[in-house]
Protein backbone atom coordinates (compact mmCIF):
# COMPACT_ATOMS: atom_id res chain seq x y z
CA MET A 1 0.71 1.48 -24.18
CA ARG A 2 1.14 3.28 -20.87
CA LEU A 3 1.95 1.54 -17.57
CA ALA A 4 1.68 3.51 -14.33
CA CYS A 5 1.61 3.09 -10.57
CA TYR A 6 0.05 5.30 -7.93
CA ASN A 7 -0.24 5.12 -4.15
CA VAL A 8 -3.71 6.61 -3.69
CA GLU A 9 -3.63 6.38 0.14
CA ASN A 10 -7.14 4.89 0.27
CA LEU A 11 -10.09 6.06 -1.76
CA PHE A 12 -13.14 6.48 0.48
CA ASP A 13 -12.23 5.46 4.03
CA ARG A 14 -8.96 5.38 5.95
CA ALA A 15 -8.00 4.50 9.49
CA ARG A 16 -8.44 7.70 11.51
CA VAL A 17 -5.08 7.29 13.20
CA MET A 18 -3.39 7.36 9.78
CA ASN A 19 -5.05 10.69 8.95
CA LEU A 20 -3.38 12.62 11.76
CA ASP A 21 -1.42 15.64 10.54
CA ASP A 22 1.72 14.40 12.27
CA TRP A 23 2.52 10.74 11.53
CA GLU A 24 4.50 10.46 14.78
CA ASP A 25 1.32 11.14 16.78
CA GLY A 26 -0.27 7.99 15.40
CA ARG A 27 2.76 5.77 15.49
CA PRO A 28 2.48 4.69 19.18
CA ILE A 29 -1.19 3.81 18.67
CA LEU A 30 -0.40 1.62 15.66
CA GLU A 31 2.42 -0.10 17.54
CA LYS A 32 0.18 -0.89 20.52
CA PHE A 33 -2.61 -2.00 18.18
CA ALA A 34 -0.24 -4.43 16.42
CA ALA A 35 1.14 -5.75 19.72
CA LEU A 36 -2.32 -6.37 21.18
CA ASN A 37 -3.53 -8.08 18.02
CA THR A 38 -0.53 -10.41 18.17
CA LEU A 39 -1.39 -11.39 21.74
CA LEU A 40 -5.10 -11.82 21.01
CA ALA A 41 -4.29 -14.20 18.14
CA LYS A 42 -2.48 -16.67 20.40
CA ARG A 43 -3.98 -20.12 20.77
CA THR A 44 -3.44 -20.04 24.56
CA TYR A 45 -3.16 -17.00 26.82
CA SER A 46 -0.56 -17.26 29.58
CA ALA A 47 -0.72 -15.17 32.74
CA ALA A 48 1.99 -12.93 31.29
CA ASP A 49 -0.01 -12.58 28.05
CA LYS A 50 -3.11 -11.53 29.97
CA ALA A 51 -1.15 -9.00 32.03
CA GLN A 52 0.32 -7.45 28.89
CA MET A 53 -3.10 -7.41 27.21
CA ILE A 54 -4.48 -5.40 30.11
CA VAL A 55 -1.62 -2.90 29.88
CA LEU A 56 -2.20 -2.44 26.15
CA LEU A 57 -5.97 -2.20 26.49
CA VAL A 58 -5.57 0.58 29.04
CA GLU A 59 -2.97 2.39 26.94
CA LEU A 60 -5.29 2.24 23.94
CA GLY A 61 -8.10 3.77 26.00
CA LEU A 62 -10.22 0.61 26.14
CA GLU A 63 -10.39 0.31 29.92
CA ARG A 64 -14.03 1.44 30.18
CA SER A 65 -15.38 1.04 26.65
CA ASP A 66 -14.95 -1.16 23.59
CA GLU A 67 -14.44 1.84 21.34
CA THR A 68 -12.23 4.93 21.36
CA ARG A 69 -11.54 7.57 18.76
CA PHE A 70 -8.99 5.33 17.04
CA VAL A 71 -9.60 1.69 18.08
CA ARG A 72 -12.59 -0.64 18.38
CA LEU A 73 -12.75 -3.98 20.20
CA ARG A 74 -15.47 -6.02 18.53
CA ARG A 75 -16.81 -8.86 20.71
CA ASN A 76 -19.39 -10.92 18.84
CA ARG A 77 -19.60 -14.10 20.91
CA GLY A 78 -17.86 -15.71 23.82
CA GLU A 79 -16.12 -13.76 26.56
CA LEU A 80 -12.73 -12.10 26.27
CA LEU A 81 -12.76 -9.77 29.25
CA LYS A 82 -14.74 -8.30 32.11
CA ARG A 83 -14.78 -4.79 33.48
CA PRO A 84 -15.57 -5.03 37.23
CA ALA A 85 -17.75 -2.30 38.71
CA GLY A 86 -14.83 -1.22 40.85
CA GLY A 87 -12.69 -0.49 37.80
CA GLY A 88 -9.95 -2.22 35.90
CA ILE A 89 -9.98 -5.06 33.36
CA GLU A 90 -9.92 -8.83 33.81
CA VAL A 91 -9.07 -11.06 30.82
CA VAL A 92 -11.20 -14.18 31.29
CA ALA A 93 -10.60 -15.99 27.99
CA GLU A 94 -7.99 -18.74 28.07
CA GLY A 95 -7.22 -18.52 24.37
CA ARG A 96 -8.40 -17.37 20.96
CA ALA A 97 -10.99 -20.13 20.66
CA ASP A 98 -12.90 -18.80 23.70
CA TRP A 99 -14.24 -15.72 21.96
CA ILE A 100 -15.22 -14.46 18.52
CA GLY A 101 -14.40 -10.91 17.58
CA SER A 102 -11.60 -8.62 16.49
CA LEU A 103 -9.53 -5.58 17.31
CA GLU A 104 -10.04 -2.95 14.61
CA LEU A 105 -8.91 0.53 13.69
CA VAL A 106 -11.75 3.06 13.44
CA ASP A 107 -12.15 4.46 9.92
CA GLU A 108 -13.26 7.89 8.81
CA PRO A 109 -14.30 9.07 5.34
CA ILE A 110 -11.79 10.67 2.99
CA ARG A 111 -12.85 14.20 2.00
CA HIS A 112 -14.88 14.20 -1.21
CA ASP A 113 -12.66 16.89 -2.77
CA ALA A 114 -9.58 14.76 -2.09
CA VAL A 115 -11.20 11.74 -3.76
CA LEU A 116 -12.06 13.85 -6.80
CA ASN A 117 -8.45 15.05 -6.98
CA THR A 118 -7.25 11.45 -6.90
CA ALA A 119 -9.55 10.74 -9.83
CA ARG A 120 -8.23 13.81 -11.67
CA ILE A 121 -4.63 12.60 -11.38
CA ILE A 122 -5.59 9.16 -12.69
CA ARG A 123 -7.40 10.85 -15.57
CA GLU A 124 -4.33 12.98 -16.33
CA VAL A 125 -1.92 10.05 -16.21
CA GLY A 126 -4.11 8.16 -18.68
CA ALA A 127 -2.57 4.73 -18.10
CA ASP A 128 -3.71 1.63 -19.95
CA ILE A 129 -2.49 -0.49 -17.04
CA LEU A 130 -2.49 1.15 -13.62
CA GLY A 131 -1.05 -0.40 -10.47
CA ILE A 132 -2.90 0.88 -7.40
CA VAL A 133 -1.36 0.96 -3.91
CA GLU A 134 -3.50 1.44 -0.77
CA ALA A 135 -6.96 0.63 -2.04
CA GLU A 136 -9.36 -0.43 0.72
CA ASP A 137 -10.69 -3.42 -1.21
CA ARG A 138 -12.05 -4.37 -4.63
CA PRO A 139 -15.59 -3.02 -4.08
CA ALA A 140 -14.15 0.39 -3.11
CA LEU A 141 -11.83 0.47 -6.12
CA ALA A 142 -14.63 -0.66 -8.44
CA GLU A 143 -16.96 2.05 -7.06
CA PHE A 144 -14.25 4.68 -7.50
CA ASN A 145 -13.75 3.49 -11.07
CA ARG A 146 -17.50 3.46 -11.84
CA VAL A 147 -18.48 6.74 -10.19
CA MET A 148 -15.56 9.05 -9.46
CA LEU A 149 -13.55 8.79 -12.68
CA PRO A 150 -16.53 9.71 -14.89
CA GLU A 151 -17.40 12.54 -12.48
CA VAL A 152 -14.13 14.31 -13.39
CA GLY A 153 -14.37 13.51 -17.08
CA GLY A 154 -12.24 10.38 -16.99
CA ALA A 155 -12.96 7.04 -18.61
CA SER A 156 -13.66 4.02 -16.42
CA TYR A 157 -11.37 1.02 -16.65
CA ARG A 158 -12.62 -2.27 -18.06
CA HIS A 159 -10.91 -4.50 -15.48
CA VAL A 160 -10.57 -3.77 -11.75
CA MET A 161 -8.85 -6.30 -9.52
CA VAL A 162 -7.74 -6.37 -5.88
CA ILE A 163 -6.76 -9.45 -3.92
CA ASP A 164 -7.19 -8.93 -0.17
CA GLY A 165 -3.81 -8.85 1.53
CA ASN A 166 -2.45 -9.20 5.05
CA ASP A 167 -2.76 -5.61 6.28
CA GLU A 168 -5.41 -5.25 9.00
CA ARG A 169 -5.74 -1.52 8.25
CA GLY A 170 -7.39 -2.22 4.90
CA ILE A 171 -4.64 -1.11 2.54
CA ASP A 172 -4.23 -3.45 -0.40
CA VAL A 173 -2.65 -3.38 -3.85
CA GLY A 174 -4.52 -3.85 -7.11
CA LEU A 175 -4.62 -3.32 -10.84
CA MET A 176 -6.89 -1.54 -13.32
CA CYS A 177 -6.73 -2.21 -17.08
CA ARG A 178 -8.32 -0.61 -20.11
CA ASP A 179 -10.43 -2.53 -22.60
CA GLY A 180 -8.14 -4.65 -24.77
CA PHE A 181 -5.66 -5.29 -21.94
CA ALA A 182 -7.03 -8.57 -20.63
CA ILE A 183 -5.87 -10.10 -17.35
CA ARG A 184 -5.14 -13.68 -18.38
CA ARG A 185 -3.65 -14.97 -15.12
CA MET A 186 -3.48 -13.88 -11.49
CA SER A 187 -1.34 -15.36 -8.74
CA SER A 188 -1.30 -14.27 -5.11
CA HIS A 189 1.63 -14.54 -2.69
CA VAL A 190 -0.39 -13.51 0.34
CA ASP A 191 0.47 -16.78 2.14
CA ASP A 192 4.20 -16.87 1.35
CA ARG A 193 6.08 -17.48 4.59
CA LEU A 194 9.56 -17.05 6.02
CA PRO A 195 11.45 -20.03 7.50
CA ASP A 196 10.14 -19.08 10.96
CA GLY A 197 6.56 -19.31 9.69
CA LYS A 198 5.86 -15.58 9.61
CA LEU A 199 4.18 -14.07 6.55
CA VAL A 200 6.55 -12.48 4.04
CA PHE A 201 4.36 -9.72 2.68
CA SER A 202 2.72 -6.97 4.71
CA ARG A 203 0.04 -6.81 1.98
CA ASP A 204 0.66 -9.09 -1.02
CA CYS A 205 2.79 -9.34 -4.13
CA PRO A 206 0.16 -10.29 -6.71
CA GLU A 207 1.26 -11.32 -10.20
CA TYR A 208 -0.88 -10.29 -13.15
CA GLU A 209 -0.26 -11.67 -16.62
CA ILE A 210 -1.79 -9.26 -19.13
CA GLU A 211 -2.25 -9.64 -22.87
CA THR A 212 -1.95 -6.39 -24.81
CA PRO A 213 -4.00 -5.61 -27.95
CA ALA A 214 -0.92 -6.59 -29.98
CA GLY A 215 -0.93 -10.04 -28.36
CA THR A 216 2.17 -9.39 -26.22
CA LYS A 217 2.26 -10.93 -22.75
CA LEU A 218 3.22 -8.61 -19.90
CA VAL A 219 3.70 -9.75 -16.28
CA VAL A 220 3.17 -7.07 -13.62
CA LEU A 221 4.06 -7.55 -9.94
CA VAL A 222 2.42 -4.92 -7.70
CA ASN A 223 4.03 -4.24 -4.34
CA HIS A 224 3.75 -2.22 -1.15
CA LEU A 225 6.73 -3.18 0.98
CA LYS A 226 6.99 -2.79 4.77
CA SER A 227 6.79 0.82 5.87
CA LYS A 228 8.99 2.61 8.38
CA GLY A 229 5.84 3.74 10.17
CA PHE A 230 5.91 1.51 13.25
CA GLY A 231 8.14 -1.15 14.73
CA THR A 232 11.86 -0.66 15.31
CA PRO A 233 14.00 0.41 12.35
CA ALA A 234 15.88 -2.89 12.58
CA SER A 235 12.71 -5.02 12.43
CA SER A 236 11.20 -2.90 9.63
CA ASN A 237 14.39 -3.10 7.58
CA ALA A 238 14.63 -6.86 8.09
CA ARG A 239 11.02 -7.35 6.95
CA ARG A 240 11.54 -5.13 3.89
CA LEU A 241 14.74 -6.99 3.02
CA ALA A 242 12.94 -10.34 3.21
CA GLN A 243 10.15 -8.99 1.02
CA ALA A 244 12.56 -7.62 -1.59
CA ALA A 245 14.40 -10.95 -1.63
CA ARG A 246 11.13 -12.81 -2.20
CA VAL A 247 10.09 -10.43 -5.00
CA LYS A 248 13.47 -11.10 -6.61
CA GLU A 249 12.77 -14.86 -6.44
CA ILE A 250 9.37 -14.39 -8.07
CA TYR A 251 10.84 -12.17 -10.77
CA ASP A 252 13.66 -14.64 -11.46
CA ALA A 253 11.10 -17.46 -11.70
CA ARG A 254 8.98 -15.59 -14.25
CA ARG A 255 12.06 -14.84 -16.33
CA ALA A 256 13.08 -18.51 -16.13
CA ASP A 257 9.58 -19.40 -17.36
CA GLY A 258 10.33 -17.46 -20.52
CA HIS A 259 8.65 -14.13 -19.75
CA ASP A 260 10.80 -11.34 -21.17
CA HIS A 261 8.36 -8.53 -20.40
CA VAL A 262 8.14 -8.19 -16.61
CA ALA A 263 7.49 -5.06 -14.53
CA VAL A 264 7.81 -4.74 -10.74
CA ILE A 265 5.95 -1.64 -9.56
CA GLY A 266 4.67 0.05 -6.43
CA ASP A 267 5.65 1.75 -3.18
CA PHE A 268 8.81 0.12 -1.79
CA ASN A 269 9.05 2.44 1.24
CA ASP A 270 12.80 2.91 0.91
CA ILE A 271 15.40 4.70 -1.20
CA PRO A 272 17.37 3.09 -4.05
CA ALA A 273 20.65 2.97 -2.12
CA SER A 274 19.12 1.22 0.89
CA ALA A 275 20.32 -2.22 1.97
CA PRO A 276 16.77 -3.68 2.21
CA LEU A 277 16.13 -3.02 -1.50
CA ALA A 278 19.49 -4.40 -2.64
CA PRO A 279 18.11 -7.83 -3.68
CA LEU A 280 15.82 -6.11 -6.20
CA LEU A 281 17.89 -3.14 -7.29
CA GLN A 282 21.38 -4.62 -7.21
CA SER A 283 20.94 -8.38 -7.63
CA THR A 284 18.60 -8.49 -10.63
CA ASP A 285 18.69 -7.07 -14.15
CA LEU A 286 15.63 -4.91 -13.40
CA LYS A 287 16.04 -1.26 -14.38
CA ASP A 288 14.39 1.74 -12.69
CA VAL A 289 12.61 4.12 -15.09
CA PHE A 290 14.18 6.98 -13.09
CA ALA A 291 17.47 5.92 -14.66
CA HIS A 292 16.16 6.12 -18.22
CA SER A 293 17.55 8.93 -20.37
CA LEU A 294 13.97 10.00 -21.22
CA PHE A 295 12.83 10.32 -17.60
CA ASP A 296 12.08 13.86 -16.42
CA THR A 297 12.31 14.22 -12.63
CA GLY A 298 10.56 17.59 -12.73
CA GLY A 299 13.48 19.00 -10.76
CA PHE A 300 13.07 16.77 -7.71
CA PRO A 301 14.54 13.32 -6.98
CA GLY A 302 11.75 11.99 -4.76
CA THR A 303 8.20 10.69 -5.11
CA HIS A 304 6.74 11.34 -1.65
CA GLY A 305 6.12 14.33 0.59
CA ALA A 306 8.57 17.12 -0.24
CA CYS A 307 10.20 14.84 -2.85
CA GLY A 308 13.74 15.18 -1.55
CA PRO A 309 16.44 12.49 -2.01
CA SER A 310 15.24 10.57 1.06
CA ALA A 311 11.68 10.41 -0.31
CA LYS A 312 12.20 8.31 -3.43
CA LEU A 313 9.82 5.53 -2.39
CA ASP A 314 7.84 4.66 -5.55
CA TYR A 315 9.16 2.57 -8.42
CA ILE A 316 8.57 1.18 -11.87
CA LEU A 317 11.23 -1.46 -12.49
CA LEU A 318 11.44 -3.06 -15.93
CA SER A 319 13.10 -6.16 -17.30
CA PRO A 320 15.78 -5.40 -19.94
CA ALA A 321 13.47 -6.23 -22.85
CA LEU A 322 10.82 -3.83 -21.51
CA PHE A 323 13.36 -1.12 -20.71
CA ALA A 324 14.46 -1.24 -24.34
CA LYS A 325 10.84 -0.55 -25.39
CA VAL A 326 10.48 2.72 -23.42
CA THR A 327 9.36 5.64 -25.58
CA ALA A 328 8.53 8.16 -22.80
CA THR A 329 8.40 8.20 -19.01
CA GLY A 330 7.74 10.66 -16.22
CA ILE A 331 6.13 11.63 -12.95
CA ASN A 332 2.95 13.49 -12.02
CA ARG A 333 3.09 15.48 -8.77
CA ARG A 334 0.07 17.70 -9.50
CA GLY A 335 -2.03 16.06 -6.79
CA MET A 336 0.61 16.57 -4.08
CA TRP A 337 0.91 19.55 -1.76
CA PRO A 338 3.65 21.82 -3.21
CA GLY A 339 4.46 23.83 -0.10
CA VAL A 340 4.06 27.60 -0.02
CA ARG A 341 7.50 29.24 0.28
CA PRO A 342 7.97 28.78 -2.59
CA ARG A 343 5.54 26.38 -4.26
CA LYS A 344 7.66 23.55 -5.60
CA TRP A 345 5.49 22.42 -8.49
CA ALA A 346 2.29 23.22 -10.33
CA THR A 347 -0.82 21.52 -8.96
CA LEU A 348 -4.38 20.82 -9.99
CA ALA A 349 -6.46 23.98 -10.07
CA GLU A 350 -8.82 22.30 -7.59
CA LEU A 351 -6.06 21.69 -5.00
CA ALA A 352 -6.47 24.76 -2.79
CA HIS A 353 -5.93 23.19 0.66
CA LYS A 354 -3.46 20.63 1.94
CA ARG A 355 -6.33 18.54 3.29
CA ASP A 356 -7.52 17.98 -0.28
CA VAL A 357 -4.35 16.44 -1.71
CA ALA A 358 -4.94 13.51 -4.02
CA SER A 359 -2.10 11.70 -2.25
CA ASP A 360 1.24 12.34 -0.57
CA HIS A 361 2.73 10.24 -3.39
CA ALA A 362 3.38 11.08 -7.01
CA ALA A 363 2.12 8.92 -9.85
CA LEU A 364 4.78 7.33 -12.07
CA TRP A 365 4.21 6.35 -15.71
CA VAL A 366 6.06 4.85 -18.64
CA ASP A 367 5.11 4.41 -22.31
CA LEU A 368 6.12 1.08 -23.84
CA ASN A 369 6.15 0.10 -27.49
CA ILE A 370 4.71 -3.38 -27.05
């Protein structure tokens, strides 16, 4: 059987701010968006809260309208703010219970050619069990599976599952399985919390217990750990460290339950030598398929962007019993932009423009004799 993971970077729609050519251009917007959402969620708004809300609303371009190119303030009922005729903003709500609505990022459609290229990579990888990172939601992933995979000559998956996570941008993790690979149990960790009450996972760390056609039980944990995209490096690293430590606890618990075949897969947003990933990579017996003698790097050490040493972000980690069952393993970069001087790797014939990349991430796969 083949197990794979792939960060598809959304399938049909993605927050417009995340589609900017230069990530740094969108970073301040995402930081202000997160800060304003934190304030809006408070039970009671202090005078200082209201003053900071006004600053952020103005900086996000919401002084005169509830929608900008990147952000939308949805006000369904109640009253959050007023915009006096003379200009400015006045926050009139005294707390979250005074109004119903939300602060949202404005989406835009992914190019059709890019979606088709994503489907082509999934067809080429040919996984029996495929961990998906950055799917909008289950309906989107199911529609992609039903329509787009057959459109490029691929076979649809029998099981498609996504559990909504904590990310307000609509980027979740999920799993697709072929017929014969039944999902027998699912467990979400979306509500796991740190001692201070904050949520552990930026998205989720769902557990899937799968029964193979041979009757073997396989537990797969799909992850998308905290990115370096916004927030201070110190806060991002601390969040990622806490997440890795919690994944280690979950892995240890499944092993203690008697599960020998466990895989931890996904986009960890950090390199193997990083301190935040140490709980997983140095304090467990999990083994990275990159370290297997059969793994072919394709000449590059990374999985994202230009695939340099600092871009090894995606992982398939296997318990010792699974690692011993590896018969082949590799990486597919054919949906990534290869550069032009010179082109670093061969791509899909249909990938003629950078805007049509399947993803900025490579797909990883491993064949297991179970």
